[in-house]
Amino acid sequence: MLRKVTDVPLPGAASRFDYASLDPGRGRLYLNHMGAGEVVVFDIRAREVAAVLKGFPRCTGILAVPTLDRVFVSTPGDGHVVALDGKTHAVLERLPAGRFPDGIAFEAGSGRIFVSDEAGGAVTAIDASALKVLKQIPLGGEAGNTQADSEAHIVYTNDQTNGDLVVIDPVHLEVKARIPLGVKGNHGLYLDLPRNLAFIASETDNELLVLDLAGRKITAHFPLGRGPDVLSFDTGSRRLYVASESGTLSVFRESDAGLVKEGEPNVGPNAHVVIVDPASHLVYLPLKEVDGRPVLRILEPVLPATP
């Protein structure tokens, strides 16, 4: 199903990583080294570390927005989101973003980023061009991951306390609806927009939900590894990867008939972050400690890419 291509040593001490983001045009993979307060910039073409950016306390969420030539980094260590120049990585602005800013989504229609304030139970809306905080949108519970549908002009955020997927209007900056999911701890989120589906991971129930966004109904449930966190989807092969704190990587293949689990290998200690490059189909997992040091584990699929 998956085989190891290589382990690339990463700089810094053996400590926790969090979200990653890909800038495919520049061939850059951004890795938040949360424990070190650093952003590691990895060159996916040369397979080497291109830069280490310092001064990002407890960095969690990160998002490259190539259309704006910017990179946004959540730093809950000081309650900010940092805007970087996408080419030079110069700091453009540091913006207050709540008690624990985490996942970041960009809604292109409004030109705004939306940042999950997990501990603050809100989503912070920021003008991504003017770099101004617009509003904190209260959710009523802890904020899980946030994703945007820029064609429908909708932002979705997990309320992981109340077990809802919250629907936010990105223009008027208000909650429009709540979709009950029947679980708690719904943290991870990915939107499969061509098929109008949401994939949601419950870190409490260790379960993947498939939600029909049009009908607002759960259509399938799948068991996951312990402590599922980050989801990544290969739009070319239509494979979904769900990384768990237990080191389990749940692999699903999507067809027009639905989602099928292909397997659930153990891919490394604390492998809770995954990102796939849909151009190469390579799967990247930053691991905090392998033989005493952090590495970037690179995997490739060995099964046919299409059903």
C-alpha atoms as a PDB file:
ATOM      1  CA  MET A   1       0.000   0.000   0.000  1.00  0.00           C
ATOM      2  CA  LEU A   2       2.733   2.466   1.045  1.00  0.00           C
ATOM      3  CA  ARG A   3       6.485   2.100   1.067  1.00  0.00           C
ATOM      4  CA  LYS A   4       9.147   4.303   2.542  1.00  0.00           C
ATOM      5  CA  VAL A   5      11.096   6.382   0.060  1.00  0.00           C
ATOM      6  CA  THR A   6      13.417   8.004   2.578  1.00  0.00           C
ATOM      7  CA  ASP A   7      13.772   9.698   5.949  1.00  0.00           C
ATOM      8  CA  VAL A   8      15.230  13.201   5.698  1.00  0.00           C
ATOM      9  CA  PRO A   9      16.806  14.496   8.929  1.00  0.00           C
ATOM     10  CA  LEU A  10      15.248  17.732  10.163  1.00  0.00           C
ATOM     11  CA  PRO A  11      16.981  20.391  12.267  1.00  0.00           C
ATOM     12  CA  GLY A  12      16.297  21.049  15.919  1.00  0.00           C
ATOM     13  CA  ALA A  13      15.577  18.962  18.963  1.00  0.00           C
ATOM     14  CA  ALA A  14      13.209  15.997  19.055  1.00  0.00           C
ATOM     15  CA  SER A  15       9.924  17.774  19.799  1.00  0.00           C
ATOM     16  CA  ARG A  16       6.400  17.998  18.453  1.00  0.00           C
ATOM     17  CA  PHE A  17       5.464  19.067  14.925  1.00  0.00           C
ATOM     18  CA  ASP A  18       2.061  20.355  13.888  1.00  0.00           C
ATOM     19  CA  TYR A  19       0.393  21.383  10.623  1.00  0.00           C
ATOM     20  CA  ALA A  20       2.109  21.527   7.236  1.00  0.00           C
ATOM     21  CA  SER A  21       1.315  23.395   4.015  1.00  0.00           C
ATOM     22  CA  LEU A  22       2.512  23.061   0.426  1.00  0.00           C
ATOM     23  CA  ASP A  23       3.389  25.805  -2.070  1.00  0.00           C
ATOM     24  CA  PRO A  24       3.513  23.677  -5.240  1.00  0.00           C
ATOM     25  CA  GLY A  25       4.650  26.480  -7.541  1.00  0.00           C
ATOM     26  CA  ARG A  26       7.831  27.061  -5.559  1.00  0.00           C
ATOM     27  CA  GLY A  27       8.212  23.439  -4.531  1.00  0.00           C
ATOM     28  CA  ARG A  28       8.179  24.364  -0.862  1.00  0.00           C
ATOM     29  CA  LEU A  29       6.737  22.362   1.983  1.00  0.00           C
ATOM     30  CA  TYR A  30       6.234  24.314   5.210  1.00  0.00           C
ATOM     31  CA  LEU A  31       6.456  22.315   8.445  1.00  0.00           C
ATOM     32  CA  ASN A  32       5.570  23.809  11.807  1.00  0.00           C
ATOM     33  CA  HIS A  33       8.045  22.566  14.413  1.00  0.00           C
ATOM     34  CA  MET A  34       5.768  23.406  17.309  1.00  0.00           C
ATOM     35  CA  GLY A  35       8.126  22.313  20.064  1.00  0.00           C
ATOM     36  CA  ALA A  36      10.960  24.460  18.711  1.00  0.00           C
ATOM     37  CA  GLY A  37       8.844  27.475  17.737  1.00  0.00           C
ATOM     38  CA  GLU A  38      10.241  27.275  14.202  1.00  0.00           C
ATOM     39  CA  VAL A  39       8.946  26.883  10.657  1.00  0.00           C
ATOM     40  CA  VAL A  40      11.007  24.446   8.593  1.00  0.00           C
ATOM     41  CA  VAL A  41      10.973  25.185   4.854  1.00  0.00           C
ATOM     42  CA  PHE A  42      11.585  21.987   2.881  1.00  0.00           C
ATOM     43  CA  ASP A  43      12.468  21.906  -0.821  1.00  0.00           C
ATOM     44  CA  ILE A  44      10.465  18.975  -2.214  1.00  0.00           C
ATOM     45  CA  ARG A  45      12.460  18.938  -5.473  1.00  0.00           C
ATOM     46  CA  ALA A  46      15.930  18.826  -3.915  1.00  0.00           C
ATOM     47  CA  ARG A  47      14.647  16.907  -0.869  1.00  0.00           C
ATOM     48  CA  GLU A  48      16.513  19.118   1.536  1.00  0.00           C
ATOM     49  CA  VAL A  49      15.815  21.765   4.148  1.00  0.00           C
ATOM     50  CA  ALA A  50      15.897  25.163   2.457  1.00  0.00           C
ATOM     51  CA  ALA A  51      15.458  27.373   5.528  1.00  0.00           C
ATOM     52  CA  VAL A  52      14.538  27.424   9.199  1.00  0.00           C
ATOM     53  CA  LEU A  53      12.427  30.397  10.276  1.00  0.00           C
ATOM     54  CA  LYS A  54      12.647  31.255  13.964  1.00  0.00           C
ATOM     55  CA  GLY A  55      10.405  33.203  16.320  1.00  0.00           C
ATOM     56  CA  PHE A  56       7.053  31.390  16.047  1.00  0.00           C
ATOM     57  CA  PRO A  57       6.172  30.331  19.618  1.00  0.00           C
ATOM     58  CA  ARG A  58       4.282  26.993  19.708  1.00  0.00           C
ATOM     59  CA  CYS A  59       3.428  27.309  15.992  1.00  0.00           C
ATOM     60  CA  THR A  60       0.414  25.194  15.062  1.00  0.00           C
ATOM     61  CA  GLY A  61      -1.564  26.112  11.936  1.00  0.00           C
ATOM     62  CA  ILE A  62       0.160  27.146   8.714  1.00  0.00           C
ATOM     63  CA  LEU A  63      -1.174  27.988   5.275  1.00  0.00           C
ATOM     64  CA  ALA A  64       0.595  29.047   2.101  1.00  0.00           C
ATOM     65  CA  VAL A  65      -1.640  31.201  -0.130  1.00  0.00           C
ATOM     66  CA  PRO A  66       0.190  31.382  -3.482  1.00  0.00           C
ATOM     67  CA  THR A  67      -2.372  33.716  -5.071  1.00  0.00           C
ATOM     68  CA  LEU A  68      -1.449  36.354  -2.480  1.00  0.00           C
ATOM     69  CA  ASP A  69       2.207  35.295  -2.256  1.00  0.00           C
ATOM     70  CA  ARG A  70       1.839  34.990   1.507  1.00  0.00           C
ATOM     71  CA  VAL A  71       2.221  32.399   4.219  1.00  0.00           C
ATOM     72  CA  PHE A  72       0.219  32.571   7.442  1.00  0.00           C
ATOM     73  CA  VAL A  73       1.384  30.942  10.690  1.00  0.00           C
ATOM     74  CA  SER A  74      -0.580  30.506  13.939  1.00  0.00           C
ATOM     75  CA  THR A  75       1.486  31.072  17.081  1.00  0.00           C
ATOM     76  CA  PRO A  76      -0.572  30.200  20.179  1.00  0.00           C
ATOM     77  CA  GLY A  77       2.493  30.808  22.326  1.00  0.00           C
ATOM     78  CA  ASP A  78       1.726  34.519  22.004  1.00  0.00           C
ATOM     79  CA  GLY A  79      -1.835  34.373  20.590  1.00  0.00           C
ATOM     80  CA  HIS A  80      -1.053  35.683  17.108  1.00  0.00           C
ATOM     81  CA  VAL A  81      -1.154  34.886  13.422  1.00  0.00           C
ATOM     82  CA  VAL A  82       2.014  35.886  11.586  1.00  0.00           C
ATOM     83  CA  ALA A  83       1.858  36.933   7.923  1.00  0.00           C
ATOM     84  CA  LEU A  84       4.998  36.220   5.886  1.00  0.00           C
ATOM     85  CA  ASP A  85       6.073  37.255   2.414  1.00  0.00           C
ATOM     86  CA  GLY A  86       5.767  34.108   0.298  1.00  0.00           C
ATOM     87  CA  LYS A  87       9.061  34.696  -1.506  1.00  0.00           C
ATOM     88  CA  THR A  88      11.401  36.138   1.121  1.00  0.00           C
ATOM     89  CA  HIS A  89       9.650  34.940   4.308  1.00  0.00           C
ATOM     90  CA  ALA A  90       9.977  38.430   5.768  1.00  0.00           C
ATOM     91  CA  VAL A  91       7.448  39.090   8.535  1.00  0.00           C
ATOM     92  CA  LEU A  92       4.751  41.429   7.216  1.00  0.00           C
ATOM     93  CA  GLU A  93       2.526  41.596  10.300  1.00  0.00           C
ATOM     94  CA  ARG A  94       1.686  39.900  13.578  1.00  0.00           C
ATOM     95  CA  LEU A  95      -2.046  39.914  14.259  1.00  0.00           C
ATOM     96  CA  PRO A  96      -3.856  39.013  17.516  1.00  0.00           C
ATOM     97  CA  ALA A  97      -5.923  35.891  16.917  1.00  0.00           C
ATOM     98  CA  GLY A  98      -7.318  34.722  20.263  1.00  0.00           C
ATOM     99  CA  ARG A  99      -6.265  32.389  23.052  1.00  0.00           C
ATOM    100  CA  PHE A 100      -5.050  29.432  20.976  1.00  0.00           C
ATOM    101  CA  PRO A 101      -4.959  30.109  17.222  1.00  0.00           C
ATOM    102  CA  ASP A 102      -4.720  26.842  15.326  1.00  0.00           C
ATOM    103  CA  GLY A 103      -5.899  25.758  11.850  1.00  0.00           C
ATOM    104  CA  ILE A 104      -6.144  28.331   9.040  1.00  0.00           C
ATOM    105  CA  ALA A 105      -8.345  28.475   5.925  1.00  0.00           C
ATOM    106  CA  PHE A 106      -8.449  30.979   3.053  1.00  0.00           C
ATOM    107  CA  GLU A 107     -11.786  31.951   1.496  1.00  0.00           C
ATOM    108  CA  ALA A 108     -10.859  33.443  -1.871  1.00  0.00           C
ATOM    109  CA  GLY A 109     -14.169  35.169  -2.586  1.00  0.00           C
ATOM    110  CA  SER A 110     -13.911  37.432   0.451  1.00  0.00           C
ATOM    111  CA  GLY A 111     -10.111  37.525   0.453  1.00  0.00           C
ATOM    112  CA  ARG A 112     -10.099  36.569   4.124  1.00  0.00           C
ATOM    113  CA  ILE A 113      -8.407  33.963   6.239  1.00  0.00           C
ATOM    114  CA  PHE A 114     -10.287  32.227   9.019  1.00  0.00           C
ATOM    115  CA  VAL A 115      -8.344  30.971  12.020  1.00  0.00           C
ATOM    116  CA  SER A 116      -9.625  28.446  14.552  1.00  0.00           C
ATOM    117  CA  ASP A 117      -9.204  29.814  18.081  1.00  0.00           C
ATOM    118  CA  GLU A 118      -9.427  26.425  19.747  1.00  0.00           C
ATOM    119  CA  ALA A 119      -9.335  27.425  23.422  1.00  0.00           C
ATOM    120  CA  GLY A 120     -11.226  30.665  22.782  1.00  0.00           C
ATOM    121  CA  GLY A 121     -14.157  28.857  21.154  1.00  0.00           C
ATOM    122  CA  ALA A 122     -14.179  31.182  18.165  1.00  0.00           C
ATOM    123  CA  VAL A 123     -12.979  31.766  14.626  1.00  0.00           C
ATOM    124  CA  THR A 124     -10.890  34.861  13.908  1.00  0.00           C
ATOM    125  CA  ALA A 125     -11.533  36.522  10.537  1.00  0.00           C
ATOM    126  CA  ILE A 126      -8.621  38.460   9.018  1.00  0.00           C
ATOM    127  CA  ASP A 127      -8.366  40.489   5.817  1.00  0.00           C
ATOM    128  CA  ALA A 128      -5.568  38.591   4.084  1.00  0.00           C
ATOM    129  CA  SER A 129      -4.497  41.528   1.907  1.00  0.00           C
ATOM    130  CA  ALA A 130      -4.855  44.477   4.289  1.00  0.00           C
ATOM    131  CA  LEU A 131      -3.685  42.292   7.209  1.00  0.00           C
ATOM    132  CA  LYS A 132      -6.350  43.527   9.586  1.00  0.00           C
ATOM    133  CA  VAL A 133      -8.378  41.571  12.127  1.00  0.00           C
ATOM    134  CA  LEU A 134     -12.055  41.915  11.261  1.00  0.00           C
ATOM    135  CA  LYS A 135     -13.944  39.930  13.876  1.00  0.00           C
ATOM    136  CA  GLN A 136     -13.952  37.018  16.298  1.00  0.00           C
ATOM    137  CA  ILE A 137     -16.921  34.791  15.512  1.00  0.00           C
ATOM    138  CA  PRO A 138     -18.037  32.830  18.623  1.00  0.00           C
ATOM    139  CA  LEU A 139     -18.851  29.144  18.176  1.00  0.00           C
ATOM    140  CA  GLY A 140     -20.117  28.124  21.610  1.00  0.00           C
ATOM    141  CA  GLY A 141     -17.472  25.424  22.005  1.00  0.00           C
ATOM    142  CA  GLU A 142     -13.848  24.621  21.241  1.00  0.00           C
ATOM    143  CA  ALA A 143     -12.894  25.262  17.639  1.00  0.00           C
ATOM    144  CA  GLY A 144     -11.540  22.323  15.681  1.00  0.00           C
ATOM    145  CA  ASN A 145     -10.224  22.610  12.157  1.00  0.00           C
ATOM    146  CA  THR A 146     -11.572  25.198   9.697  1.00  0.00           C
ATOM    147  CA  GLN A 147     -11.931  24.814   5.914  1.00  0.00           C
ATOM    148  CA  ALA A 148     -13.420  27.011   3.182  1.00  0.00           C
ATOM    149  CA  ASP A 149     -15.557  26.463   0.096  1.00  0.00           C
ATOM    150  CA  SER A 150     -14.650  29.501  -1.994  1.00  0.00           C
ATOM    151  CA  GLU A 151     -17.108  28.696  -4.799  1.00  0.00           C
ATOM    152  CA  ALA A 152     -20.117  28.474  -2.497  1.00  0.00           C
ATOM    153  CA  HIS A 153     -18.684  31.204  -0.222  1.00  0.00           C
ATOM    154  CA  ILE A 154     -18.994  29.127   2.938  1.00  0.00           C
ATOM    155  CA  VAL A 155     -16.571  28.501   5.785  1.00  0.00           C
ATOM    156  CA  TYR A 156     -16.917  25.356   7.880  1.00  0.00           C
ATOM    157  CA  THR A 157     -15.511  24.920  11.392  1.00  0.00           C
ATOM    158  CA  ASN A 158     -15.724  21.999  13.780  1.00  0.00           C
ATOM    159  CA  ASP A 159     -17.246  22.779  17.174  1.00  0.00           C
ATOM    160  CA  GLN A 160     -15.569  19.871  18.919  1.00  0.00           C
ATOM    161  CA  THR A 161     -17.272  20.493  22.264  1.00  0.00           C
ATOM    162  CA  ASN A 162     -20.842  20.260  21.011  1.00  0.00           C
ATOM    163  CA  GLY A 163     -20.250  17.885  18.115  1.00  0.00           C
ATOM    164  CA  ASP A 164     -21.392  20.261  15.377  1.00  0.00           C
ATOM    165  CA  LEU A 165     -20.029  21.394  12.045  1.00  0.00           C
ATOM    166  CA  VAL A 166     -20.589  25.154  12.072  1.00  0.00           C
ATOM    167  CA  VAL A 167     -21.476  26.970   8.845  1.00  0.00           C
ATOM    168  CA  ILE A 168     -20.085  30.523   8.669  1.00  0.00           C
ATOM    169  CA  ASP A 169     -20.875  33.317   6.217  1.00  0.00           C
ATOM    170  CA  PRO A 170     -17.424  34.684   5.220  1.00  0.00           C
ATOM    171  CA  VAL A 171     -18.823  38.035   4.068  1.00  0.00           C
ATOM    172  CA  HIS A 172     -21.140  38.938   6.947  1.00  0.00           C
ATOM    173  CA  LEU A 173     -18.941  37.055   9.441  1.00  0.00           C
ATOM    174  CA  GLU A 174     -21.721  35.259  11.255  1.00  0.00           C
ATOM    175  CA  VAL A 175     -22.833  31.717  11.971  1.00  0.00           C
ATOM    176  CA  LYS A 176     -25.538  30.674   9.511  1.00  0.00           C
ATOM    177  CA  ALA A 177     -26.210  27.079  10.595  1.00  0.00           C
ATOM    178  CA  ARG A 178     -25.018  24.173  12.719  1.00  0.00           C
ATOM    179  CA  ILE A 179     -24.916  20.581  11.486  1.00  0.00           C
ATOM    180  CA  PRO A 180     -25.101  18.027  14.339  1.00  0.00           C
ATOM    181  CA  LEU A 181     -22.668  15.156  13.802  1.00  0.00           C
ATOM    182  CA  GLY A 182     -23.532  12.818  16.667  1.00  0.00           C
ATOM    183  CA  VAL A 183     -19.947  12.681  17.950  1.00  0.00           C
ATOM    184  CA  LYS A 184     -17.667  14.744  20.176  1.00  0.00           C
ATOM    185  CA  GLY A 185     -14.093  15.755  19.585  1.00  0.00           C
ATOM    186  CA  ASN A 186     -14.667  16.402  15.879  1.00  0.00           C
ATOM    187  CA  HIS A 187     -11.330  18.069  15.181  1.00  0.00           C
ATOM    188  CA  GLY A 188      -9.910  17.143  11.764  1.00  0.00           C
ATOM    189  CA  LEU A 189     -11.692  18.341   8.623  1.00  0.00           C
ATOM    190  CA  TYR A 190     -11.262  18.092   4.850  1.00  0.00           C
ATOM    191  CA  LEU A 191     -13.704  19.262   2.165  1.00  0.00           C
ATOM    192  CA  ASP A 192     -14.013  17.160  -0.988  1.00  0.00           C
ATOM    193  CA  LEU A 193     -15.700  19.929  -2.944  1.00  0.00           C
ATOM    194  CA  PRO A 194     -16.096  18.217  -6.357  1.00  0.00           C
ATOM    195  CA  ARG A 195     -18.279  15.619  -4.628  1.00  0.00           C
ATOM    196  CA  ASN A 196     -19.721  18.007  -2.023  1.00  0.00           C
ATOM    197  CA  LEU A 197     -18.503  15.934   0.908  1.00  0.00           C
ATOM    198  CA  ALA A 198     -16.829  16.681   4.212  1.00  0.00           C
ATOM    199  CA  PHE A 199     -14.495  14.197   5.875  1.00  0.00           C
ATOM    200  CA  ILE A 200     -14.450  14.712   9.648  1.00  0.00           C
ATOM    201  CA  ALA A 201     -12.238  12.977  12.216  1.00  0.00           C
ATOM    202  CA  SER A 202     -13.364  12.591  15.827  1.00  0.00           C
ATOM    203  CA  GLU A 203     -10.388  12.447  18.184  1.00  0.00           C
ATOM    204  CA  THR A 204     -12.700  11.328  21.011  1.00  0.00           C
ATOM    205  CA  ASP A 205     -14.448   8.487  19.211  1.00  0.00           C
ATOM    206  CA  ASN A 206     -11.484   7.624  16.899  1.00  0.00           C
ATOM    207  CA  GLU A 207     -13.848   7.682  13.970  1.00  0.00           C
ATOM    208  CA  LEU A 208     -14.073   9.153  10.468  1.00  0.00           C
ATOM    209  CA  LEU A 209     -17.412  10.601   9.371  1.00  0.00           C
ATOM    210  CA  VAL A 210     -18.435  11.219   5.779  1.00  0.00           C
ATOM    211  CA  LEU A 211     -20.903  14.111   5.574  1.00  0.00           C
ATOM    212  CA  ASP A 212     -23.030  14.923   2.532  1.00  0.00           C
ATOM    213  CA  LEU A 213     -22.871  18.722   2.581  1.00  0.00           C
ATOM    214  CA  ALA A 214     -25.904  19.182   0.331  1.00  0.00           C
ATOM    215  CA  GLY A 215     -28.199  16.955   2.368  1.00  0.00           C
ATOM    216  CA  ARG A 216     -26.346  17.660   5.633  1.00  0.00           C
ATOM    217  CA  LYS A 217     -26.432  13.973   6.516  1.00  0.00           C
ATOM    218  CA  ILE A 218     -23.783  11.514   7.657  1.00  0.00           C
ATOM    219  CA  THR A 219     -23.453   8.821   4.979  1.00  0.00           C
ATOM    220  CA  ALA A 220     -20.658   6.638   6.402  1.00  0.00           C
ATOM    221  CA  HIS A 221     -18.542   5.931   9.506  1.00  0.00           C
ATOM    222  CA  PHE A 222     -15.091   4.314   9.652  1.00  0.00           C
ATOM    223  CA  PRO A 223     -12.859   3.424  12.624  1.00  0.00           C
ATOM    224  CA  LEU A 224      -9.509   5.230  12.858  1.00  0.00           C
ATOM    225  CA  GLY A 225      -6.320   4.965  14.886  1.00  0.00           C
ATOM    226  CA  ARG A 226      -6.120   6.463  18.370  1.00  0.00           C
ATOM    227  CA  GLY A 227      -6.134  10.261  18.412  1.00  0.00           C
ATOM    228  CA  PRO A 228      -6.779  11.138  14.752  1.00  0.00           C
ATOM    229  CA  ASP A 229      -5.636  14.636  13.881  1.00  0.00           C
ATOM    230  CA  VAL A 230      -4.708  15.795  10.369  1.00  0.00           C
ATOM    231  CA  LEU A 231      -6.425  14.777   7.116  1.00  0.00           C
ATOM    232  CA  SER A 232      -4.940  15.115   3.632  1.00  0.00           C
ATOM    233  CA  PHE A 233      -6.487  14.195   0.280  1.00  0.00           C
ATOM    234  CA  ASP A 234      -4.755  13.309  -2.981  1.00  0.00           C
ATOM    235  CA  THR A 235      -7.019  14.872  -5.600  1.00  0.00           C
ATOM    236  CA  GLY A 236      -5.313  12.881  -8.372  1.00  0.00           C
ATOM    237  CA  SER A 237      -5.537   9.364  -6.958  1.00  0.00           C
ATOM    238  CA  ARG A 238      -8.562  10.174  -4.782  1.00  0.00           C
ATOM    239  CA  ARG A 239      -6.899   8.779  -1.692  1.00  0.00           C
ATOM    240  CA  LEU A 240      -7.640  10.154   1.755  1.00  0.00           C
ATOM    241  CA  TYR A 241      -5.017   9.946   4.492  1.00  0.00           C
ATOM    242  CA  VAL A 242      -5.852  10.378   8.191  1.00  0.00           C
ATOM    243  CA  ALA A 243      -2.889  10.629  10.574  1.00  0.00           C
ATOM    244  CA  SER A 244      -3.235   9.690  14.246  1.00  0.00           C
ATOM    245  CA  GLU A 245      -1.250  10.315  17.419  1.00  0.00           C
ATOM    246  CA  SER A 246      -0.855   6.531  17.758  1.00  0.00           C
ATOM    247  CA  GLY A 247       1.293   6.463  14.608  1.00  0.00           C
ATOM    248  CA  THR A 248      -1.481   4.904  12.545  1.00  0.00           C
ATOM    249  CA  LEU A 249      -2.094   6.251   9.048  1.00  0.00           C
ATOM    250  CA  SER A 250      -5.585   5.335   7.835  1.00  0.00           C
ATOM    251  CA  VAL A 251      -5.697   5.137   4.037  1.00  0.00           C
ATOM    252  CA  PHE A 252      -8.967   5.325   2.109  1.00  0.00           C
ATOM    253  CA  ARG A 253      -9.673   5.146  -1.603  1.00  0.00           C
ATOM    254  CA  GLU A 254     -12.602   7.094  -2.983  1.00  0.00           C
ATOM    255  CA  SER A 255     -14.665   5.976  -5.955  1.00  0.00           C
ATOM    256  CA  ASP A 256     -18.032   7.080  -7.248  1.00  0.00           C
ATOM    257  CA  ALA A 257     -19.531   4.321  -5.095  1.00  0.00           C
ATOM    258  CA  GLY A 258     -18.059   5.770  -1.911  1.00  0.00           C
ATOM    259  CA  LEU A 259     -15.068   5.485   0.395  1.00  0.00           C
ATOM    260  CA  VAL A 260     -13.224   2.197   1.001  1.00  0.00           C
ATOM    261  CA  LYS A 261     -10.490   1.671   3.585  1.00  0.00           C
ATOM    262  CA  GLU A 262      -7.340   0.304   1.923  1.00  0.00           C
ATOM    263  CA  GLY A 263      -5.315  -0.185   5.066  1.00  0.00           C
ATOM    264  CA  GLU A 264      -3.989   1.222   8.304  1.00  0.00           C
ATOM    265  CA  PRO A 265      -0.201   0.914   8.569  1.00  0.00           C
ATOM    266  CA  ASN A 266       1.843   2.203  11.470  1.00  0.00           C
ATOM    267  CA  VAL A 267       4.057   4.807   9.835  1.00  0.00           C
ATOM    268  CA  GLY A 268       6.056   6.146  12.768  1.00  0.00           C
ATOM    269  CA  PRO A 269       5.890   7.414  16.338  1.00  0.00           C
ATOM    270  CA  ASN A 270       3.458  10.278  16.955  1.00  0.00           C
ATOM    271  CA  ALA A 271       2.725  10.522  13.218  1.00  0.00           C
ATOM    272  CA  HIS A 272      -0.273  12.828  13.641  1.00  0.00           C
ATOM    273  CA  VAL A 273       0.572  15.192  10.751  1.00  0.00           C
ATOM    274  CA  VAL A 274       0.290  14.190   7.089  1.00  0.00           C
ATOM    275  CA  ILE A 275       0.350  16.076   3.815  1.00  0.00           C
ATOM    276  CA  VAL A 276       0.228  14.609   0.304  1.00  0.00           C
ATOM    277  CA  ASP A 277       1.509  16.179  -2.899  1.00  0.00           C
ATOM    278  CA  PRO A 278      -1.160  15.432  -5.536  1.00  0.00           C
ATOM    279  CA  ALA A 279       1.345  15.989  -8.356  1.00  0.00           C
ATOM    280  CA  SER A 280       3.798  13.291  -7.227  1.00  0.00           C
ATOM    281  CA  HIS A 281       1.439  11.346  -4.912  1.00  0.00           C
ATOM    282  CA  LEU A 282       4.217  11.379  -2.300  1.00  0.00           C
ATOM    283  CA  VAL A 283       3.093  11.398   1.328  1.00  0.00           C
ATOM    284  CA  TYR A 284       5.035  13.484   3.863  1.00  0.00           C
ATOM    285  CA  LEU A 285       4.991  12.892   7.635  1.00  0.00           C
ATOM    286  CA  PRO A 286       7.111  14.990  10.012  1.00  0.00           C
ATOM    287  CA  LEU A 287       8.077  12.772  12.953  1.00  0.00           C
ATOM    288  CA  LYS A 288       9.381  14.277  16.163  1.00  0.00           C
ATOM    289  CA  GLU A 289      11.860  11.500  16.968  1.00  0.00           C
ATOM    290  CA  VAL A 290      13.431   8.665  15.021  1.00  0.00           C
ATOM    291  CA  ASP A 291      16.734   7.437  16.479  1.00  0.00           C
ATOM    292  CA  GLY A 292      16.900  10.505  18.681  1.00  0.00           C
ATOM    293  CA  ARG A 293      16.177  13.224  16.144  1.00  0.00           C
ATOM    294  CA  PRO A 294      13.293  14.612  14.061  1.00  0.00           C
ATOM    295  CA  VAL A 295      12.864  13.406  10.482  1.00  0.00           C
ATOM    296  CA  LEU A 296      10.579  13.966   7.527  1.00  0.00           C
ATOM    297  CA  ARG A 297       9.364  10.538   6.442  1.00  0.00           C
ATOM    298  CA  ILE A 298       8.442  10.329   2.755  1.00  0.00           C
ATOM    299  CA  LEU A 299       6.197   7.507   1.549  1.00  0.00           C
ATOM    300  CA  GLU A 300       4.827   6.529  -1.840  1.00  0.00           C
ATOM    301  CA  PRO A 301       1.778   4.434  -2.737  1.00  0.00           C
ATOM    302  CA  VAL A 302       2.404   1.054  -4.329  1.00  0.00           C
ATOM    303  CA  LEU A 303      -1.154   0.277  -5.437  1.00  0.00           C
ATOM    304  CA  PRO A 304      -2.761   1.568  -8.652  1.00  0.00           C
ATOM    305  CA  ALA A 305      -3.793   5.196  -8.308  1.00  0.00           C
ATOM    306  CA  THR A 306      -7.291   4.730  -9.751  1.00  0.00           C
ATOM    307  CA  PRO A 307     -10.013   2.190  -8.935  1.00  0.00           C
END
